Amino acid sequence: MNYKFCRQHTVSSEVWCKGIGLHSGAKVSMRLKPAPVNYGVRFRRVDLTGSPTIIAHFHHVVDTVLATRIGFNGVTIATVEHLMAALLGSGIDNVLVELNGPEVPIFDGSAAHYIALIQEAGRQEQALPPQYLRIEKPFFVSEGDAFIKATPSERFQVRYTIDFPHRLVGRQEYTWFFDSHAFHREIARARTFGFLKDVEKLQSMGMAQGGSLDNAVVFDDYKVLNREGFRYSNECVRHKILDFIGDLALTGMQLQGNFEVHKAGHALHNRFLKQLMTKPGYYAVQAPAAAPPTYFPPASLPGFMDSLQHVVKPL
């Protein structure tokens, strides 16, 4: 089996940052703290009485409009998907995420700043192996012409297709295979995207209050409004893969299977997981009895950290 991480990992030290929420527009501080084995990813709202904690799990998803929001007992955390993708892509199994607001900071709309934060914290190997969710039989969900199909594979791979009626987006397809560098190199820097007319409408409705050209790729009818343009020629479909990885990370496990996704979004991602996990014969959960030595990117990937001027932009 093609396991990439044969031991669980947490962050080596506590790290701190601050930013704004994409949809709330609220200023928020975030801390990543080391956690013990089998702890998983948990979010703590330190701004609320009792500092309630929410386990990052797909059963705790309470909203999928424009982003993935988790909640428990009336407490919610919004826009968790980019951070969840960065944690999975960095091999972090156990971490406590403390926030003093209702939303994870968006930074530049990609996972790049979270990766930089994790690299600043360092990774600490732990004693036990991780759990893996392995696809055992083909499984399919659909809604209209959107679908997700999972099939068995010896590795974790995603083929995603999008199709938007805009001359600079259109139909894009990209296939991504997980290895120790691939997430950082090929997916992490892809930013969320939107269309100016939609952003203006959302903001008039009280949504996307923190949205700007600093944290999204925005199109008018003819062009990209961001001065820097695209980071990848197919940045939009790469960002959809980022979202998908982040939503799959809410299984709390590492992944083994081939996923074909067509014109989906957060809602279908979550429905796929909820339906799959009611079909025991279609998946298996296991930890590897033996695995090759762990391998992982060095503390600084060539060209990656150079692309980030700062881990966080001061407010």
Protein backbone atom coordinates (compact mmCIF):
# COMPACT_ATOMS: atom_id res chain seq x y z
CA MET A 1 0.00 0.00 0.00
CA ASN A 2 1.18 3.46 -0.82
CA TYR A 3 1.10 5.06 2.63
CA LYS A 4 2.76 8.45 2.81
CA PHE A 5 2.84 8.96 6.58
CA CYS A 6 3.46 5.93 8.79
CA ARG A 7 3.10 7.82 12.07
CA GLN A 8 0.71 10.44 13.37
CA HIS A 9 2.06 13.98 13.64
CA THR A 10 1.24 17.16 15.49
CA VAL A 11 2.84 20.60 15.36
CA SER A 12 6.08 20.91 17.33
CA SER A 13 5.30 24.28 18.87
CA GLU A 14 2.50 26.79 19.27
CA VAL A 15 2.20 29.42 16.53
CA TRP A 16 -0.02 32.48 16.22
CA CYS A 17 -1.38 34.65 13.43
CA LYS A 18 -4.20 37.07 12.67
CA GLY A 19 -6.33 37.98 9.68
CA ILE A 20 -9.92 38.59 8.62
CA GLY A 21 -12.84 36.30 7.87
CA LEU A 22 -13.84 36.16 4.21
CA HIS A 23 -17.57 36.12 4.85
CA SER A 24 -17.87 37.81 8.25
CA GLY A 25 -15.25 40.49 7.58
CA ALA A 26 -14.32 40.15 11.28
CA LYS A 27 -10.76 40.44 12.54
CA VAL A 28 -9.68 37.14 14.06
CA SER A 29 -6.61 35.69 15.75
CA MET A 30 -5.71 32.01 15.36
CA ARG A 31 -3.34 29.75 17.28
CA LEU A 32 -2.22 26.25 16.35
CA LYS A 33 -1.28 24.18 19.39
CA PRO A 34 0.27 20.71 19.74
CA ALA A 35 -2.17 17.90 20.58
CA PRO A 36 -1.79 14.27 21.70
CA VAL A 37 -2.20 11.16 19.54
CA ASN A 38 -5.73 10.37 18.32
CA TYR A 39 -6.87 13.89 19.22
CA GLY A 40 -7.69 14.85 15.64
CA VAL A 41 -8.32 18.45 14.62
CA ARG A 42 -10.40 20.50 17.03
CA PHE A 43 -11.46 24.14 16.93
CA ARG A 44 -11.87 26.15 20.13
CA ARG A 45 -13.75 29.47 20.34
CA VAL A 46 -11.79 31.30 23.03
CA ASP A 47 -13.99 34.39 22.62
CA LEU A 48 -17.02 32.56 24.03
CA THR A 49 -17.84 31.65 27.62
CA GLY A 50 -16.34 28.28 28.49
CA SER A 51 -14.23 28.23 25.30
CA PRO A 52 -16.37 25.58 23.58
CA THR A 53 -14.60 23.11 21.29
CA ILE A 54 -15.82 21.58 18.02
CA ILE A 55 -14.29 18.43 16.56
CA ALA A 56 -13.56 18.89 12.86
CA HIS A 57 -15.80 16.19 11.38
CA PHE A 58 -18.15 15.98 8.42
CA HIS A 59 -21.08 15.14 10.72
CA HIS A 60 -20.58 18.58 12.29
CA VAL A 61 -20.99 20.44 8.99
CA VAL A 62 -23.95 22.80 9.42
CA ASP A 63 -23.69 24.97 6.30
CA THR A 64 -22.09 24.63 2.86
CA VAL A 65 -23.15 27.92 1.20
CA LEU A 66 -19.96 29.43 -0.30
CA ALA A 67 -17.79 27.71 2.33
CA THR A 68 -17.81 24.84 4.83
CA ARG A 69 -19.06 25.73 8.30
CA ILE A 70 -18.93 23.30 11.22
CA GLY A 71 -20.95 23.63 14.40
CA PHE A 72 -21.95 21.94 17.64
CA ASN A 73 -24.43 23.00 20.32
CA GLY A 74 -25.05 26.30 18.57
CA VAL A 75 -21.37 27.24 18.27
CA THR A 76 -19.94 27.48 14.75
CA ILE A 77 -16.67 27.95 12.89
CA ALA A 78 -16.86 29.05 9.24
CA THR A 79 -14.55 28.58 6.25
CA VAL A 80 -12.54 25.67 7.65
CA GLU A 81 -11.76 23.98 4.32
CA HIS A 82 -8.49 25.71 3.35
CA LEU A 83 -6.90 25.14 6.76
CA MET A 84 -8.14 21.53 6.82
CA ALA A 85 -6.57 20.95 3.40
CA ALA A 86 -3.26 22.43 4.56
CA LEU A 87 -3.23 20.19 7.64
CA LEU A 88 -3.94 17.07 5.60
CA GLY A 89 -1.44 18.08 2.91
CA SER A 90 1.19 18.69 5.61
CA GLY A 91 0.55 15.40 7.40
CA ILE A 92 -0.76 16.97 10.60
CA ASP A 93 -3.18 14.56 12.29
CA ASN A 94 -3.57 16.18 15.70
CA VAL A 95 -3.84 19.89 16.47
CA LEU A 96 -5.89 22.33 18.53
CA VAL A 97 -6.94 25.44 16.60
CA GLU A 98 -7.90 28.35 18.84
CA LEU A 99 -9.89 31.25 17.39
CA ASN A 100 -11.25 34.43 18.95
CA GLY A 101 -13.95 34.78 16.29
CA PRO A 102 -16.48 32.86 14.20
CA GLU A 103 -14.35 32.22 11.11
CA VAL A 104 -10.90 30.99 10.12
CA PRO A 105 -8.85 33.88 8.64
CA ILE A 106 -8.83 33.78 4.86
CA PHE A 107 -5.41 35.38 4.18
CA ASP A 108 -4.93 35.37 0.39
CA GLY A 109 -7.74 32.89 -0.37
CA SER A 110 -5.41 29.90 -0.76
CA ALA A 111 -3.76 27.46 1.65
CA ALA A 112 -0.29 28.97 1.25
CA HIS A 113 -0.23 30.99 4.48
CA TYR A 114 -1.46 28.01 6.51
CA ILE A 115 1.36 25.91 5.05
CA ALA A 116 3.86 28.62 6.02
CA LEU A 117 2.40 28.70 9.54
CA ILE A 118 2.67 24.90 9.88
CA GLN A 119 6.25 24.99 8.62
CA GLU A 120 7.04 27.69 11.19
CA ALA A 121 5.59 25.47 13.93
CA GLY A 122 7.40 22.35 12.74
CA ARG A 123 6.12 18.78 12.76
CA GLN A 124 6.42 16.34 15.66
CA GLU A 125 6.20 12.61 14.99
CA GLN A 126 4.02 10.68 17.43
CA ALA A 127 3.97 7.07 18.58
CA LEU A 128 0.93 5.64 16.78
CA PRO A 129 0.15 5.14 13.08
CA PRO A 130 -2.65 7.20 11.52
CA GLN A 131 -5.96 5.83 10.36
CA TYR A 132 -6.64 5.59 6.64
CA LEU A 133 -9.94 5.72 4.83
CA ARG A 134 -9.55 3.36 1.88
CA ILE A 135 -12.08 3.08 -0.96
CA GLU A 136 -12.94 -0.60 -1.43
CA LYS A 137 -15.63 -0.52 -4.16
CA PRO A 138 -16.80 2.11 -6.65
CA PHE A 139 -19.16 4.65 -5.08
CA PHE A 140 -21.09 7.39 -6.88
CA VAL A 141 -23.22 10.38 -5.88
CA SER A 142 -24.71 13.03 -8.15
CA GLU A 143 -26.90 16.10 -8.24
CA GLY A 144 -28.02 17.30 -11.67
CA ASP A 145 -24.97 17.10 -13.91
CA ALA A 146 -22.55 17.31 -10.95
CA PHE A 147 -21.12 14.09 -9.55
CA ILE A 148 -18.41 12.49 -7.43
CA LYS A 149 -17.17 8.99 -8.17
CA ALA A 150 -14.72 7.14 -5.91
CA THR A 151 -12.87 3.98 -6.95
CA PRO A 152 -10.16 1.88 -5.32
CA SER A 153 -6.56 2.96 -5.83
CA GLU A 154 -3.20 2.38 -4.22
CA ARG A 155 -2.78 6.11 -3.75
CA PHE A 156 -4.79 9.28 -3.12
CA GLN A 157 -5.63 11.03 -6.36
CA VAL A 158 -8.25 13.52 -7.57
CA ARG A 159 -9.44 14.40 -11.06
CA TYR A 160 -11.63 17.49 -10.95
CA THR A 161 -13.57 19.18 -13.76
CA ILE A 162 -15.25 22.59 -13.67
CA ASP A 163 -17.22 24.43 -16.34
CA PHE A 164 -18.10 28.12 -15.95
CA PRO A 165 -19.56 30.37 -18.66
CA HIS A 166 -16.68 32.83 -18.64
CA ARG A 167 -14.06 33.21 -21.35
CA LEU A 168 -11.17 33.05 -18.88
CA VAL A 169 -12.47 30.04 -16.94
CA GLY A 170 -14.65 27.81 -19.11
CA ARG A 171 -14.04 24.08 -18.84
CA GLN A 172 -10.93 23.12 -16.86
CA GLU A 173 -9.80 19.64 -15.83
CA TYR A 174 -6.86 18.74 -13.63
CA THR A 175 -5.60 15.48 -12.16
CA TRP A 176 -3.64 15.63 -8.92
CA PHE A 177 -1.70 12.78 -7.29
CA PHE A 178 -0.68 13.04 -3.67
CA ASP A 179 3.00 12.80 -2.84
CA SER A 180 5.19 14.54 -0.31
CA HIS A 181 5.62 17.70 -2.39
CA ALA A 182 2.56 17.77 -4.62
CA PHE A 183 0.12 19.63 -2.39
CA HIS A 184 2.57 22.42 -1.63
CA ARG A 185 3.76 22.76 -5.20
CA GLU A 186 0.58 22.23 -7.22
CA ILE A 187 -2.45 23.05 -5.06
CA ALA A 188 -1.66 25.16 -1.99
CA ARG A 189 -1.25 28.54 -3.74
CA ALA A 190 -4.48 28.32 -5.79
CA ARG A 191 -6.87 31.04 -4.59
CA THR A 192 -10.62 31.08 -4.28
CA PHE A 193 -12.32 32.84 -7.18
CA GLY A 194 -15.52 34.67 -7.96
CA PHE A 195 -17.27 37.00 -10.38
CA LEU A 196 -17.61 40.71 -9.68
CA LYS A 197 -21.37 40.80 -10.21
CA ASP A 198 -21.82 37.92 -7.76
CA VAL A 199 -19.50 39.46 -5.16
CA GLU A 200 -21.40 42.75 -5.28
CA LYS A 201 -24.70 40.91 -4.88
CA LEU A 202 -23.40 38.86 -1.95
CA GLN A 203 -22.03 41.90 -0.17
CA SER A 204 -25.35 43.69 -0.58
CA MET A 205 -26.90 40.69 1.22
CA GLY A 206 -24.42 40.95 4.11
CA MET A 207 -22.20 38.09 2.87
CA ALA A 208 -18.55 38.05 1.68
CA GLN A 209 -17.94 41.13 3.82
CA GLY A 210 -14.20 40.46 3.96
CA GLY A 211 -13.87 39.72 0.26
CA SER A 212 -11.37 41.73 -1.79
CA LEU A 213 -8.73 41.38 -4.47
CA ASP A 214 -6.33 40.53 -1.63
CA ASN A 215 -8.07 37.22 -0.92
CA ALA A 216 -9.74 36.07 -4.14
CA VAL A 217 -9.32 35.98 -7.90
CA VAL A 218 -12.14 38.18 -9.21
CA PHE A 219 -13.41 38.37 -12.78
CA ASP A 220 -15.53 41.02 -14.44
CA ASP A 221 -17.17 40.15 -17.76
CA TYR A 222 -13.90 40.32 -19.67
CA LYS A 223 -10.81 40.04 -17.50
CA VAL A 224 -9.14 39.19 -14.20
CA LEU A 225 -9.22 42.24 -11.94
CA ASN A 226 -6.22 41.17 -9.81
CA ARG A 227 -3.05 42.96 -10.86
CA GLU A 228 -0.90 39.82 -10.55
CA GLY A 229 -3.25 37.73 -12.72
CA PHE A 230 -3.22 33.96 -12.34
CA ARG A 231 -0.75 31.97 -10.27
CA TYR A 232 -1.47 28.93 -12.44
CA SER A 233 -3.07 28.99 -15.89
CA ASN A 234 -5.79 26.70 -14.46
CA GLU A 235 -5.87 28.18 -10.97
CA CYS A 236 -9.64 27.88 -10.67
CA VAL A 237 -9.82 24.09 -10.99
CA ARG A 238 -6.79 23.70 -8.74
CA HIS A 239 -8.61 25.70 -6.08
CA LYS A 240 -11.63 23.40 -6.41
CA ILE A 241 -9.29 20.48 -5.67
CA LEU A 242 -8.05 22.40 -2.63
CA ASP A 243 -11.64 22.77 -1.41
CA PHE A 244 -12.33 19.08 -2.04
CA ILE A 245 -9.24 17.98 -0.11
CA GLY A 246 -10.26 20.23 2.78
CA ASP A 247 -13.77 18.79 2.85
CA LEU A 248 -12.46 15.20 2.67
CA ALA A 249 -10.12 16.01 5.57
CA LEU A 250 -13.24 16.21 7.73
CA THR A 251 -13.16 12.40 7.84
CA GLY A 252 -10.35 12.86 10.36
CA MET A 253 -8.29 10.33 8.40
CA GLN A 254 -5.74 10.15 5.65
CA LEU A 255 -7.08 8.93 2.33
CA GLN A 256 -6.51 6.18 -0.20
CA GLY A 257 -8.60 6.12 -3.38
CA ASN A 258 -9.25 7.70 -6.74
CA PHE A 259 -11.82 10.52 -6.77
CA GLU A 260 -13.37 11.84 -9.97
CA VAL A 261 -15.30 15.06 -9.35
CA HIS A 262 -17.36 16.98 -11.89
CA LYS A 263 -18.84 20.45 -11.23
CA ALA A 264 -19.34 19.78 -7.52
CA GLY A 265 -19.12 22.06 -4.50
CA HIS A 266 -19.08 21.98 -0.71
CA ALA A 267 -22.64 20.67 -0.44
CA LEU A 268 -22.02 17.68 -2.70
CA HIS A 269 -18.63 17.03 -1.12
CA ASN A 270 -20.32 16.71 2.26
CA ARG A 271 -23.22 14.62 0.97
CA PHE A 272 -20.73 12.27 -0.68
CA LEU A 273 -18.97 11.67 2.66
CA LYS A 274 -22.18 11.22 4.62
CA GLN A 275 -23.55 8.70 2.13
CA LEU A 276 -20.25 6.84 1.69
CA MET A 277 -19.83 6.39 5.43
CA THR A 278 -23.18 4.59 5.65
CA LYS A 279 -21.88 1.93 3.23
CA PRO A 280 -19.29 -0.16 5.14
CA GLY A 281 -18.59 -2.48 2.22
CA TYR A 282 -17.51 0.44 0.05
CA TYR A 283 -14.76 1.68 2.34
CA ALA A 284 -12.42 0.39 5.02
CA VAL A 285 -10.73 2.13 7.93
CA GLN A 286 -7.36 0.84 8.97
CA ALA A 287 -3.91 1.72 10.18
CA PRO A 288 -0.90 0.26 8.35
CA ALA A 289 0.76 -2.67 10.09
CA ALA A 290 4.02 -1.70 8.43
CA ALA A 291 5.04 1.13 6.19
CA PRO A 292 8.13 2.60 4.57
CA PRO A 293 9.90 5.42 6.40
CA THR A 294 8.05 8.70 6.56
CA TYR A 295 9.13 11.24 3.97
CA PHE A 296 8.10 14.85 3.77
CA PRO A 297 9.07 18.21 2.27
CA PRO A 298 11.99 20.00 3.89
CA ALA A 299 11.22 22.95 6.15
CA SER A 300 11.33 25.27 3.16
CA LEU A 301 10.38 24.12 -0.31
CA PRO A 302 12.41 25.73 -3.09
CA GLY A 303 10.49 28.70 -4.40
CA PHE A 304 7.50 28.15 -2.10
CA MET A 305 8.44 30.23 0.92
CA ASP A 306 10.00 32.83 -1.36
CA SER A 307 6.54 33.36 -2.84
CA LEU A 308 5.19 34.52 0.52
CA GLN A 309 6.39 37.88 1.76
CA HIS A 310 4.90 37.34 5.22
CA VAL A 311 3.05 34.59 7.01
CA VAL A 312 0.38 37.14 7.87
CA LYS A 313 -0.39 40.62 6.67
CA PRO A 314 -0.71 43.07 9.57
CA LEU A 315 -4.16 44.55 10.01
